[in-house]
N, C-alpha and C. Protein backbone atom coordinates (compact mmCIF):
# COMPACT_ATOMS: atom_id res chain seq x y z
N UNK A 1 37.65 -90.08 42.80
CA UNK A 1 38.32 -89.46 43.91
C UNK A 1 37.28 -89.00 44.93
N UNK A 2 37.55 -89.27 46.18
CA UNK A 2 36.68 -88.81 47.27
C UNK A 2 37.13 -87.41 47.68
N UNK A 3 36.18 -86.47 47.74
CA UNK A 3 36.50 -85.10 48.16
C UNK A 3 35.59 -84.71 49.33
N UNK A 4 36.09 -83.80 50.13
CA UNK A 4 35.38 -83.37 51.34
C UNK A 4 34.87 -81.94 51.22
N UNK A 5 34.63 -81.47 50.02
CA UNK A 5 34.15 -80.11 49.81
C UNK A 5 32.83 -79.85 50.54
N UNK A 6 31.97 -80.85 50.57
CA UNK A 6 30.67 -80.70 51.23
C UNK A 6 30.81 -80.57 52.74
N UNK A 7 31.87 -81.12 53.29
CA UNK A 7 32.09 -81.04 54.73
C UNK A 7 32.12 -79.60 55.22
N UNK A 8 32.87 -78.76 54.53
CA UNK A 8 33.06 -77.38 54.97
C UNK A 8 31.75 -76.59 54.91
N UNK A 9 30.94 -76.88 53.91
CA UNK A 9 29.63 -76.22 53.80
C UNK A 9 28.69 -76.70 54.92
N UNK A 10 28.70 -78.00 55.18
CA UNK A 10 27.87 -78.54 56.25
C UNK A 10 28.30 -78.00 57.61
N UNK A 11 29.60 -77.90 57.82
CA UNK A 11 30.10 -77.33 59.07
C UNK A 11 29.61 -75.90 59.23
N UNK A 12 29.68 -75.12 58.17
CA UNK A 12 29.25 -73.73 58.21
C UNK A 12 27.76 -73.65 58.58
N UNK A 13 26.96 -74.49 57.91
CA UNK A 13 25.52 -74.48 58.17
C UNK A 13 25.18 -74.88 59.61
N UNK A 14 25.97 -75.79 60.17
CA UNK A 14 25.70 -76.30 61.52
C UNK A 14 26.39 -75.47 62.60
N UNK A 15 27.20 -74.50 62.20
CA UNK A 15 27.88 -73.65 63.18
C UNK A 15 29.05 -74.32 63.89
N UNK A 16 29.65 -75.30 63.23
CA UNK A 16 30.81 -75.99 63.79
C UNK A 16 32.06 -75.51 63.06
N UNK A 17 32.99 -74.97 63.82
CA UNK A 17 34.24 -74.47 63.22
C UNK A 17 35.34 -75.51 63.39
N UNK A 18 36.43 -75.30 62.68
CA UNK A 18 37.59 -76.17 62.86
C UNK A 18 38.11 -76.05 64.28
N UNK A 19 38.05 -74.86 64.84
CA UNK A 19 38.46 -74.63 66.23
C UNK A 19 37.65 -75.53 67.17
N UNK A 20 36.33 -75.58 66.97
CA UNK A 20 35.47 -76.43 67.80
C UNK A 20 35.81 -77.91 67.64
N UNK A 21 36.09 -78.32 66.40
CA UNK A 21 36.45 -79.72 66.17
C UNK A 21 37.70 -80.08 66.96
N UNK A 22 38.67 -79.19 66.99
CA UNK A 22 39.93 -79.45 67.69
C UNK A 22 39.73 -79.40 69.20
N UNK A 23 39.14 -78.32 69.69
CA UNK A 23 39.10 -78.07 71.13
C UNK A 23 37.93 -78.70 71.86
N UNK A 24 36.83 -78.94 71.19
CA UNK A 24 35.67 -79.53 71.87
C UNK A 24 35.46 -81.00 71.53
N UNK A 25 35.99 -81.44 70.38
CA UNK A 25 35.73 -82.81 69.95
C UNK A 25 37.01 -83.64 69.77
N UNK A 26 38.17 -83.06 70.09
CA UNK A 26 39.41 -83.81 70.10
C UNK A 26 40.02 -84.15 68.74
N UNK A 27 39.63 -83.45 67.71
CA UNK A 27 40.24 -83.68 66.40
C UNK A 27 41.65 -83.14 66.39
N UNK A 28 42.53 -83.82 65.69
CA UNK A 28 43.90 -83.32 65.58
C UNK A 28 43.99 -82.38 64.38
N UNK A 29 44.96 -81.50 64.43
CA UNK A 29 45.18 -80.60 63.30
C UNK A 29 45.61 -81.39 62.08
N UNK A 30 46.32 -82.49 62.30
CA UNK A 30 46.73 -83.35 61.19
C UNK A 30 45.54 -83.98 60.47
N UNK A 31 44.56 -84.40 61.25
CA UNK A 31 43.35 -84.98 60.66
C UNK A 31 42.61 -83.94 59.82
N UNK A 32 42.48 -82.73 60.34
CA UNK A 32 41.83 -81.66 59.58
C UNK A 32 42.62 -81.33 58.33
N UNK A 33 43.93 -81.38 58.41
CA UNK A 33 44.77 -81.12 57.24
C UNK A 33 44.52 -82.17 56.17
N UNK A 34 44.39 -83.44 56.56
CA UNK A 34 44.10 -84.50 55.59
C UNK A 34 42.74 -84.27 54.94
N UNK A 35 41.76 -83.83 55.71
CA UNK A 35 40.44 -83.54 55.15
C UNK A 35 40.52 -82.37 54.16
N UNK A 36 41.27 -81.33 54.52
CA UNK A 36 41.42 -80.16 53.62
C UNK A 36 42.07 -80.55 52.30
N UNK A 37 43.01 -81.49 52.37
CA UNK A 37 43.76 -81.91 51.18
C UNK A 37 43.08 -83.07 50.45
N UNK A 38 41.89 -83.46 50.90
CA UNK A 38 41.18 -84.61 50.33
C UNK A 38 42.06 -85.86 50.36
N UNK A 39 42.80 -86.00 51.44
CA UNK A 39 43.70 -87.13 51.63
C UNK A 39 42.92 -88.29 52.27
N UNK A 40 43.58 -89.40 52.49
CA UNK A 40 42.94 -90.56 53.08
C UNK A 40 42.56 -90.32 54.54
N UNK A 41 41.33 -90.65 54.89
CA UNK A 41 40.88 -90.67 56.27
C UNK A 41 40.11 -91.97 56.47
N UNK A 42 40.07 -92.44 57.71
CA UNK A 42 39.38 -93.72 57.93
C UNK A 42 37.89 -93.50 58.20
N UNK A 43 37.15 -94.59 58.18
CA UNK A 43 35.70 -94.50 58.37
C UNK A 43 35.33 -94.10 59.79
N UNK A 44 36.20 -94.36 60.75
CA UNK A 44 35.94 -93.89 62.11
C UNK A 44 35.82 -92.37 62.12
N UNK A 45 36.71 -91.70 61.41
CA UNK A 45 36.69 -90.24 61.32
C UNK A 45 35.42 -89.76 60.64
N UNK A 46 35.04 -90.40 59.55
CA UNK A 46 33.81 -90.04 58.83
C UNK A 46 32.61 -90.23 59.75
N UNK A 47 32.56 -91.34 60.45
CA UNK A 47 31.47 -91.63 61.38
C UNK A 47 31.40 -90.57 62.49
N UNK A 48 32.55 -90.21 63.03
CA UNK A 48 32.61 -89.20 64.09
C UNK A 48 32.11 -87.85 63.57
N UNK A 49 32.51 -87.47 62.39
CA UNK A 49 32.04 -86.21 61.81
C UNK A 49 30.52 -86.22 61.62
N UNK A 50 29.99 -87.34 61.16
CA UNK A 50 28.54 -87.44 60.97
C UNK A 50 27.80 -87.31 62.30
N UNK A 51 28.36 -87.89 63.36
CA UNK A 51 27.74 -87.76 64.69
C UNK A 51 27.78 -86.32 65.17
N UNK A 52 28.95 -85.70 65.06
CA UNK A 52 29.11 -84.31 65.52
C UNK A 52 28.18 -83.38 64.76
N UNK A 53 28.12 -83.55 63.45
CA UNK A 53 27.34 -82.65 62.60
C UNK A 53 25.88 -83.08 62.47
N UNK A 54 25.55 -84.25 63.01
CA UNK A 54 24.20 -84.80 62.90
C UNK A 54 23.76 -84.78 61.44
N UNK A 55 24.54 -85.46 60.61
CA UNK A 55 24.28 -85.45 59.16
C UNK A 55 24.53 -86.81 58.55
N UNK A 56 24.19 -86.94 57.29
CA UNK A 56 24.45 -88.15 56.52
C UNK A 56 25.81 -88.04 55.85
N UNK A 57 26.37 -89.20 55.51
CA UNK A 57 27.68 -89.25 54.87
C UNK A 57 27.74 -88.36 53.62
N UNK A 58 26.67 -88.40 52.84
CA UNK A 58 26.68 -87.64 51.58
C UNK A 58 26.66 -86.13 51.80
N UNK A 59 26.47 -85.70 53.03
CA UNK A 59 26.53 -84.28 53.32
C UNK A 59 27.95 -83.80 53.60
N UNK A 60 28.90 -84.76 53.71
CA UNK A 60 30.28 -84.36 53.94
C UNK A 60 31.26 -84.92 52.90
N UNK A 61 30.83 -85.95 52.18
CA UNK A 61 31.70 -86.62 51.21
C UNK A 61 31.05 -86.65 49.84
N UNK A 62 31.89 -86.52 48.83
CA UNK A 62 31.40 -86.64 47.46
C UNK A 62 32.43 -87.41 46.64
N UNK A 63 31.94 -88.28 45.78
CA UNK A 63 32.82 -89.00 44.86
C UNK A 63 32.83 -88.28 43.53
N UNK A 64 34.02 -87.93 43.07
CA UNK A 64 34.18 -87.31 41.75
C UNK A 64 35.08 -88.21 40.93
N UNK A 65 34.57 -88.78 39.85
CA UNK A 65 35.40 -89.65 39.02
C UNK A 65 36.59 -88.86 38.44
N UNK A 66 37.71 -89.57 38.31
CA UNK A 66 38.91 -88.92 37.75
C UNK A 66 38.74 -88.58 36.30
């Protein structure tokens, strides 16, 4: 299972809030909800997050076997 637990920590470290993602970077509240629920998101979203946070994929995503 892919989880986004690392995303929230990376956002905190980089000073990016959910409010900033919505209002400054055009993220939808639905997209953030999918990330919070570890739901399906596309690679475009992952790529955009990496650009915004200036980080590597492994800093926002983790694979946890079932």
